Amino acid sequence: MLKFREGDGSKFKIMIRQSTQNPLDFSLILGYIPSNSNVLFRLIRYNGKSHEHQNKLEKCPKFYDFHIHKATERYQLDDSFKEEHYAEVTKIYSDIHSALNCFIKDCNIILPASNQPSLF
């Protein structure tokens, strides 16, 4: 878990999780914590291929594949779901390492100098 502060006191938080039993069971999450708050708002989540997912508000069929969750207004307005419940299947990654590369690029994350410890 890494935290980054903004000038106004708000924070961005990166969380990485992978199952020790199933390498395809992972999540990479970029969250935002507004200043003077401890509530994490999940902006985006890259998931592995370890569970079924369904976008219930859209009444879409379930899928079982690598997928990316994104915070949407529609799911925020429905208290039954997390803000980032909506997800789309993706073919841009196939494991946690390639997902992390996509996550870093897509979220415009600037990594610390190479002499810093690895995220893994």
C-alpha atoms as a PDB file:
ATOM      1  CA  MET A   1       0.000   0.000   0.000  1.00  0.00           C
ATOM      2  CA  LEU A   2       1.397   3.368  -1.037  1.00  0.00           C
ATOM      3  CA  LYS A   3       0.006   6.795  -0.157  1.00  0.00           C
ATOM      4  CA  PHE A   4       0.624  10.070  -1.965  1.00  0.00           C
ATOM      5  CA  ARG A   5      -0.424  13.472  -0.615  1.00  0.00           C
ATOM      6  CA  GLU A   6      -1.711  16.390  -2.623  1.00  0.00           C
ATOM      7  CA  GLY A   7      -1.144  20.022  -1.648  1.00  0.00           C
ATOM      8  CA  ASP A   8      -4.647  20.385  -0.184  1.00  0.00           C
ATOM      9  CA  GLY A   9      -4.218  17.415   2.176  1.00  0.00           C
ATOM     10  CA  SER A  10      -6.073  14.932   0.006  1.00  0.00           C
ATOM     11  CA  LYS A  11      -4.348  11.606  -0.654  1.00  0.00           C
ATOM     12  CA  PHE A  12      -4.129   9.017  -3.390  1.00  0.00           C
ATOM     13  CA  LYS A  13      -3.690   5.427  -2.263  1.00  0.00           C
ATOM     14  CA  ILE A  14      -2.476   2.459  -4.318  1.00  0.00           C
ATOM     15  CA  MET A  15      -3.345  -1.010  -3.044  1.00  0.00           C
ATOM     16  CA  ILE A  16      -2.039  -4.258  -4.496  1.00  0.00           C
ATOM     17  CA  ARG A  17      -3.323  -7.678  -3.477  1.00  0.00           C
ATOM     18  CA  GLN A  18      -2.670 -11.182  -4.844  1.00  0.00           C
ATOM     19  CA  SER A  19      -3.796 -14.559  -3.526  1.00  0.00           C
ATOM     20  CA  THR A  20      -1.062 -16.974  -2.520  1.00  0.00           C
ATOM     21  CA  GLN A  21      -3.181 -19.905  -3.770  1.00  0.00           C
ATOM     22  CA  ASN A  22      -4.355 -18.481  -7.105  1.00  0.00           C
ATOM     23  CA  PRO A  23      -2.053 -16.087  -9.000  1.00  0.00           C
ATOM     24  CA  LEU A  24      -4.983 -14.946 -11.174  1.00  0.00           C
ATOM     25  CA  ASP A  25      -6.812 -13.689  -8.070  1.00  0.00           C
ATOM     26  CA  PHE A  26      -5.501 -10.135  -7.739  1.00  0.00           C
ATOM     27  CA  SER A  27      -6.559  -6.514  -7.504  1.00  0.00           C
ATOM     28  CA  LEU A  28      -4.746  -3.259  -8.199  1.00  0.00           C
ATOM     29  CA  ILE A  29      -6.666  -0.287  -6.825  1.00  0.00           C
ATOM     30  CA  LEU A  30      -6.220   3.463  -7.122  1.00  0.00           C
ATOM     31  CA  GLY A  31      -8.165   5.251  -4.413  1.00  0.00           C
ATOM     32  CA  TYR A  32      -8.667   8.864  -3.410  1.00  0.00           C
ATOM     33  CA  ILE A  33      -9.090  10.189   0.128  1.00  0.00           C
ATOM     34  CA  PRO A  34     -10.338  13.808   0.280  1.00  0.00           C
ATOM     35  CA  SER A  35      -8.657  16.157   2.748  1.00  0.00           C
ATOM     36  CA  ASN A  36     -10.053  16.026   6.290  1.00  0.00           C
ATOM     37  CA  SER A  37     -11.552  12.590   5.612  1.00  0.00           C
ATOM     38  CA  ASN A  38     -10.684   8.953   6.104  1.00  0.00           C
ATOM     39  CA  VAL A  39     -13.137   7.675   3.475  1.00  0.00           C
ATOM     40  CA  LEU A  40     -11.501   5.922   0.525  1.00  0.00           C
ATOM     41  CA  PHE A  41     -13.133   6.483  -2.876  1.00  0.00           C
ATOM     42  CA  ARG A  42     -12.020   3.777  -5.322  1.00  0.00           C
ATOM     43  CA  LEU A  43     -11.406   5.368  -8.700  1.00  0.00           C
ATOM     44  CA  ILE A  44     -10.281   2.307 -10.632  1.00  0.00           C
ATOM     45  CA  ARG A  45      -9.594  -1.369  -9.932  1.00  0.00           C
ATOM     46  CA  TYR A  46      -7.798  -3.876 -12.171  1.00  0.00           C
ATOM     47  CA  ASN A  47      -8.959  -7.405 -11.344  1.00  0.00           C
ATOM     48  CA  GLY A  48      -7.651 -10.806 -12.226  1.00  0.00           C
ATOM     49  CA  LYS A  49      -9.564 -13.686 -13.696  1.00  0.00           C
ATOM     50  CA  SER A  50     -10.707 -15.377 -10.509  1.00  0.00           C
ATOM     51  CA  HIS A  51     -14.414 -14.662 -10.164  1.00  0.00           C
ATOM     52  CA  GLU A  52     -17.581 -13.913 -12.117  1.00  0.00           C
ATOM     53  CA  HIS A  53     -18.737 -10.340 -12.481  1.00  0.00           C
ATOM     54  CA  GLN A  54     -21.961  -8.774 -13.667  1.00  0.00           C
ATOM     55  CA  ASN A  55     -22.867  -5.133 -14.263  1.00  0.00           C
ATOM     56  CA  LYS A  56     -26.244  -5.459 -12.595  1.00  0.00           C
ATOM     57  CA  LEU A  57     -27.635  -2.005 -13.372  1.00  0.00           C
ATOM     58  CA  GLU A  58     -27.079  -2.625 -17.080  1.00  0.00           C
ATOM     59  CA  LYS A  59     -28.585  -6.128 -16.779  1.00  0.00           C
ATOM     60  CA  CYS A  60     -25.636  -7.544 -18.718  1.00  0.00           C
ATOM     61  CA  PRO A  61     -24.710 -11.219 -18.728  1.00  0.00           C
ATOM     62  CA  LYS A  62     -22.094 -12.376 -16.225  1.00  0.00           C
ATOM     63  CA  PHE A  63     -18.519 -12.683 -17.403  1.00  0.00           C
ATOM     64  CA  TYR A  64     -15.433 -14.473 -16.105  1.00  0.00           C
ATOM     65  CA  ASP A  65     -12.338 -12.737 -17.409  1.00  0.00           C
ATOM     66  CA  PHE A  66      -9.735 -10.090 -16.600  1.00  0.00           C
ATOM     67  CA  HIS A  67     -11.621  -6.853 -16.041  1.00  0.00           C
ATOM     68  CA  ILE A  68     -11.264  -3.219 -15.065  1.00  0.00           C
ATOM     69  CA  HIS A  69     -13.656  -1.530 -12.653  1.00  0.00           C
ATOM     70  CA  LYS A  70     -14.246   2.205 -12.901  1.00  0.00           C
ATOM     71  CA  ALA A  71     -16.064   4.594 -10.608  1.00  0.00           C
ATOM     72  CA  THR A  72     -19.261   5.787 -12.274  1.00  0.00           C
ATOM     73  CA  GLU A  73     -21.940   8.220 -11.210  1.00  0.00           C
ATOM     74  CA  ARG A  74     -24.638   5.658 -11.913  1.00  0.00           C
ATOM     75  CA  TYR A  75     -23.302   3.181  -9.349  1.00  0.00           C
ATOM     76  CA  GLN A  76     -22.553   5.953  -6.837  1.00  0.00           C
ATOM     77  CA  LEU A  77     -26.201   6.974  -6.907  1.00  0.00           C
ATOM     78  CA  ASP A  78     -27.331   3.424  -6.084  1.00  0.00           C
ATOM     79  CA  ASP A  79     -26.408   2.643  -2.476  1.00  0.00           C
ATOM     80  CA  SER A  80     -26.529  -1.097  -3.210  1.00  0.00           C
ATOM     81  CA  PHE A  81     -23.145  -1.032  -4.974  1.00  0.00           C
ATOM     82  CA  LYS A  82     -19.604   0.217  -4.538  1.00  0.00           C
ATOM     83  CA  GLU A  83     -18.742   3.287  -6.597  1.00  0.00           C
ATOM     84  CA  GLU A  84     -16.460   1.205  -8.829  1.00  0.00           C
ATOM     85  CA  HIS A  85     -18.807  -1.747  -9.337  1.00  0.00           C
ATOM     86  CA  TYR A  86     -19.109  -1.192 -13.102  1.00  0.00           C
ATOM     87  CA  ALA A  87     -16.462  -3.225 -14.984  1.00  0.00           C
ATOM     88  CA  GLU A  88     -15.377  -3.968 -18.525  1.00  0.00           C
ATOM     89  CA  VAL A  89     -13.577  -7.058 -19.793  1.00  0.00           C
ATOM     90  CA  THR A  90     -10.024  -6.370 -20.902  1.00  0.00           C
ATOM     91  CA  LYS A  91      -7.397  -8.177 -22.952  1.00  0.00           C
ATOM     92  CA  ILE A  92      -4.598  -5.689 -22.200  1.00  0.00           C
ATOM     93  CA  TYR A  93      -3.120  -7.802 -19.389  1.00  0.00           C
ATOM     94  CA  SER A  94      -2.826 -11.497 -18.534  1.00  0.00           C
ATOM     95  CA  ASP A  95      -1.231 -11.568 -15.076  1.00  0.00           C
ATOM     96  CA  ILE A  96      -0.508  -9.238 -12.168  1.00  0.00           C
ATOM     97  CA  HIS A  97       2.789  -8.010 -13.638  1.00  0.00           C
ATOM     98  CA  SER A  98       1.309  -6.978 -16.991  1.00  0.00           C
ATOM     99  CA  ALA A  99      -1.729  -5.559 -15.144  1.00  0.00           C
ATOM    100  CA  LEU A 100       0.586  -3.431 -13.001  1.00  0.00           C
ATOM    101  CA  ASN A 101       2.329  -2.082 -16.106  1.00  0.00           C
ATOM    102  CA  CYS A 102      -1.055  -1.135 -17.627  1.00  0.00           C
ATOM    103  CA  PHE A 103      -2.266   0.310 -14.313  1.00  0.00           C
ATOM    104  CA  ILE A 104       0.837   2.524 -14.013  1.00  0.00           C
ATOM    105  CA  LYS A 105       0.489   3.742 -17.604  1.00  0.00           C
ATOM    106  CA  ASP A 106      -3.303   4.217 -17.589  1.00  0.00           C
ATOM    107  CA  CYS A 107      -3.343   6.035 -14.230  1.00  0.00           C
ATOM    108  CA  ASN A 108      -0.345   8.202 -15.164  1.00  0.00           C
ATOM    109  CA  ILE A 109       1.636   7.063 -12.127  1.00  0.00           C
ATOM    110  CA  ILE A 110       5.211   8.285 -11.920  1.00  0.00           C
ATOM    111  CA  LEU A 111       7.380   5.704 -10.210  1.00  0.00           C
ATOM    112  CA  PRO A 112      10.094   6.713  -7.739  1.00  0.00           C
ATOM    113  CA  ALA A 113      13.741   6.579  -8.769  1.00  0.00           C
ATOM    114  CA  SER A 114      15.136   3.131  -9.568  1.00  0.00           C
ATOM    115  CA  ASN A 115      17.045   2.976  -6.276  1.00  0.00           C
ATOM    116  CA  GLN A 116      13.721   2.757  -4.403  1.00  0.00           C
ATOM    117  CA  PRO A 117      12.242  -0.603  -3.324  1.00  0.00           C
ATOM    118  CA  SER A 118      10.088  -2.491  -5.816  1.00  0.00           C
ATOM    119  CA  LEU A 119       6.295  -2.494  -5.523  1.00  0.00           C
ATOM    120  CA  PHE A 120       6.618  -6.281  -5.178  1.00  0.00           C
END
